[in-house]
Amino acid sequence: MDTVNLSIDGQPVEVPAGTTILEAARGADLYIPTLCYHPDLPPAKNGAARIGDLPGGSKTGKCHAG
């Protein structure tokens, strides 16, 4: 299998071709915050994070897959 060499926060990382940046970071014990990530969904279907205003000035969040 082909591998890819990259750098995340200055740390060299080698991963199999096709690995996402998030998977590469997690494999190297580097933290990248996520809002709508699910390991069982492909990257293009992870969804979208939406934040909306509620009456009274508060905010709500929703993660939508698909």
N, C-alpha and C. Protein backbone atom coordinates (compact mmCIF):
# COMPACT_ATOMS: atom_id res chain seq x y z
N MET A 1 0.85 -1.18 0.00
CA MET A 1 0.00 0.00 0.00
C MET A 1 0.89 1.24 0.00
N ASP A 2 0.47 2.24 -0.75
CA ASP A 2 1.21 3.50 -0.79
C ASP A 2 1.03 4.26 0.51
N THR A 3 2.05 5.01 0.90
CA THR A 3 1.97 5.85 2.08
C THR A 3 2.16 7.30 1.69
N VAL A 4 1.71 8.17 2.56
CA VAL A 4 1.82 9.61 2.37
C VAL A 4 2.55 10.18 3.57
N ASN A 5 3.52 11.04 3.34
CA ASN A 5 4.24 11.73 4.42
C ASN A 5 3.72 13.16 4.48
N LEU A 6 3.35 13.58 5.67
CA LEU A 6 2.86 14.94 5.87
C LEU A 6 3.30 15.46 7.21
N SER A 7 3.02 16.73 7.44
CA SER A 7 3.38 17.37 8.71
C SER A 7 2.13 18.01 9.29
N ILE A 8 1.86 17.70 10.56
CA ILE A 8 0.73 18.31 11.27
C ILE A 8 1.31 19.01 12.49
N ASP A 9 1.11 20.33 12.56
CA ASP A 9 1.69 21.14 13.65
C ASP A 9 3.19 20.90 13.78
N GLY A 10 3.86 20.74 12.65
CA GLY A 10 5.31 20.55 12.65
C GLY A 10 5.78 19.15 12.96
N GLN A 11 4.84 18.25 13.23
CA GLN A 11 5.20 16.86 13.54
C GLN A 11 5.07 16.02 12.28
N PRO A 12 6.15 15.34 11.86
CA PRO A 12 6.04 14.48 10.68
C PRO A 12 5.15 13.27 10.96
N VAL A 13 4.30 12.95 9.99
CA VAL A 13 3.36 11.84 10.11
C VAL A 13 3.39 11.06 8.81
N GLU A 14 3.43 9.74 8.88
CA GLU A 14 3.34 8.87 7.72
C GLU A 14 2.09 8.01 7.86
N VAL A 15 1.23 8.06 6.85
CA VAL A 15 -0.05 7.35 6.90
C VAL A 15 -0.30 6.66 5.57
N PRO A 16 -1.17 5.64 5.56
CA PRO A 16 -1.56 5.02 4.30
C PRO A 16 -2.29 6.02 3.40
N ALA A 17 -2.10 5.91 2.10
CA ALA A 17 -2.82 6.75 1.16
C ALA A 17 -4.32 6.60 1.40
N GLY A 18 -5.06 7.69 1.33
CA GLY A 18 -6.50 7.67 1.55
C GLY A 18 -6.90 8.01 2.97
N THR A 19 -5.92 8.14 3.87
CA THR A 19 -6.21 8.50 5.26
C THR A 19 -6.61 9.96 5.32
N THR A 20 -7.64 10.28 6.09
CA THR A 20 -8.03 11.68 6.23
C THR A 20 -7.05 12.39 7.17
N ILE A 21 -7.05 13.72 7.10
CA ILE A 21 -6.20 14.50 8.00
C ILE A 21 -6.58 14.22 9.45
N LEU A 22 -7.87 14.12 9.73
CA LEU A 22 -8.32 13.84 11.10
C LEU A 22 -7.81 12.48 11.57
N GLU A 23 -7.93 11.46 10.73
CA GLU A 23 -7.43 10.13 11.10
C GLU A 23 -5.91 10.15 11.30
N ALA A 24 -5.20 10.89 10.45
CA ALA A 24 -3.75 11.00 10.59
C ALA A 24 -3.38 11.67 11.91
N ALA A 25 -4.08 12.73 12.24
CA ALA A 25 -3.82 13.44 13.49
C ALA A 25 -4.10 12.55 14.70
N ARG A 26 -5.22 11.88 14.68
CA ARG A 26 -5.57 11.01 15.81
C ARG A 26 -4.57 9.86 15.95
N GLY A 27 -4.09 9.33 14.81
CA GLY A 27 -3.10 8.27 14.84
C GLY A 27 -1.77 8.73 15.42
N ALA A 28 -1.51 10.04 15.32
CA ALA A 28 -0.27 10.61 15.86
C ALA A 28 -0.51 11.25 17.23
N ASP A 29 -1.65 10.99 17.84
CA ASP A 29 -2.02 11.55 19.15
C ASP A 29 -2.04 13.08 19.14
N LEU A 30 -2.50 13.65 18.02
CA LEU A 30 -2.67 15.10 17.91
C LEU A 30 -4.16 15.40 17.91
N TYR A 31 -4.55 16.42 18.65
CA TYR A 31 -5.97 16.75 18.80
C TYR A 31 -6.40 17.79 17.77
N ILE A 32 -7.47 17.47 17.04
CA ILE A 32 -8.14 18.42 16.17
C ILE A 32 -9.61 18.41 16.59
N PRO A 33 -10.14 19.55 17.04
CA PRO A 33 -11.54 19.57 17.47
C PRO A 33 -12.48 19.33 16.29
N THR A 34 -13.56 18.63 16.55
CA THR A 34 -14.56 18.36 15.51
C THR A 34 -15.95 18.66 16.05
N LEU A 35 -16.85 19.00 15.15
CA LEU A 35 -18.24 19.24 15.53
C LEU A 35 -19.15 18.13 15.05
N CYS A 36 -18.93 17.65 13.85
CA CYS A 36 -19.84 16.67 13.23
C CYS A 36 -19.04 15.53 12.62
N TYR A 37 -18.33 14.79 13.43
CA TYR A 37 -17.55 13.67 12.93
C TYR A 37 -18.14 12.37 13.45
N HIS A 38 -18.27 11.41 12.57
CA HIS A 38 -18.68 10.07 13.00
C HIS A 38 -17.84 9.07 12.20
N PRO A 39 -17.13 8.18 12.87
CA PRO A 39 -16.21 7.28 12.17
C PRO A 39 -16.89 6.32 11.20
N ASP A 40 -18.20 6.09 11.33
CA ASP A 40 -18.90 5.18 10.43
C ASP A 40 -19.41 5.86 9.17
N LEU A 41 -19.24 7.17 9.06
CA LEU A 41 -19.68 7.89 7.87
C LEU A 41 -18.48 8.30 7.04
N PRO A 42 -18.58 8.24 5.72
CA PRO A 42 -17.46 8.69 4.88
C PRO A 42 -17.28 10.20 5.03
N PRO A 43 -16.08 10.72 4.75
CA PRO A 43 -15.81 12.15 4.96
C PRO A 43 -16.82 13.08 4.28
N ALA A 44 -17.26 12.77 3.08
CA ALA A 44 -18.19 13.66 2.38
C ALA A 44 -19.58 13.64 3.01
N LYS A 45 -19.88 12.68 3.86
CA LYS A 45 -21.21 12.57 4.45
C LYS A 45 -21.23 12.85 5.95
N ASN A 46 -20.18 13.46 6.49
CA ASN A 46 -20.13 13.70 7.92
C ASN A 46 -21.15 14.72 8.38
N GLY A 47 -21.64 15.53 7.48
CA GLY A 47 -22.71 16.45 7.84
C GLY A 47 -22.23 17.88 7.96
N ALA A 48 -23.12 18.68 8.47
CA ALA A 48 -22.83 20.10 8.61
C ALA A 48 -23.24 20.56 10.00
N ALA A 49 -22.46 21.42 10.56
CA ALA A 49 -22.80 22.00 11.85
C ALA A 49 -23.55 23.30 11.60
N ARG A 50 -24.64 23.45 12.26
CA ARG A 50 -25.43 24.66 12.11
C ARG A 50 -25.65 25.27 13.49
N ILE A 51 -25.53 26.57 13.54
CA ILE A 51 -25.78 27.30 14.78
C ILE A 51 -26.84 28.35 14.48
N GLY A 52 -27.85 28.40 15.30
CA GLY A 52 -28.92 29.37 15.08
C GLY A 52 -29.20 30.18 16.32
N ASP A 53 -29.77 31.35 16.10
CA ASP A 53 -30.16 32.22 17.20
C ASP A 53 -31.56 31.87 17.66
N LEU A 54 -31.75 31.85 18.96
CA LEU A 54 -33.06 31.61 19.56
C LEU A 54 -33.56 32.92 20.15
N PRO A 55 -34.87 33.02 20.34
CA PRO A 55 -35.40 34.22 21.01
C PRO A 55 -34.72 34.41 22.37
N GLY A 56 -34.42 35.62 22.69
CA GLY A 56 -33.76 35.91 23.96
C GLY A 56 -32.25 35.97 23.83
N GLY A 57 -31.72 35.76 22.63
CA GLY A 57 -30.29 35.91 22.40
C GLY A 57 -29.48 34.65 22.61
N SER A 58 -30.10 33.53 22.99
CA SER A 58 -29.31 32.31 23.15
C SER A 58 -29.12 31.64 21.79
N LYS A 59 -28.20 30.71 21.74
CA LYS A 59 -27.88 30.01 20.50
C LYS A 59 -28.12 28.51 20.66
N THR A 60 -28.39 27.86 19.56
CA THR A 60 -28.55 26.42 19.55
C THR A 60 -27.68 25.83 18.44
N GLY A 61 -27.26 24.60 18.61
CA GLY A 61 -26.45 23.95 17.59
C GLY A 61 -27.08 22.65 17.15
N LYS A 62 -26.81 22.27 15.92
CA LYS A 62 -27.34 21.02 15.40
C LYS A 62 -26.32 20.43 14.45
N CYS A 63 -26.16 19.14 14.52
CA CYS A 63 -25.28 18.42 13.59
C CYS A 63 -26.18 17.60 12.70
N HIS A 64 -26.07 17.82 11.39
CA HIS A 64 -26.94 17.13 10.43
C HIS A 64 -26.10 16.26 9.51
N ALA A 65 -26.30 14.97 9.52
CA ALA A 65 -25.58 14.06 8.63
C ALA A 65 -26.40 13.85 7.37
N GLY A 66 -25.70 13.89 6.23
CA GLY A 66 -26.38 13.59 4.99
C GLY A 66 -26.39 14.73 4.03
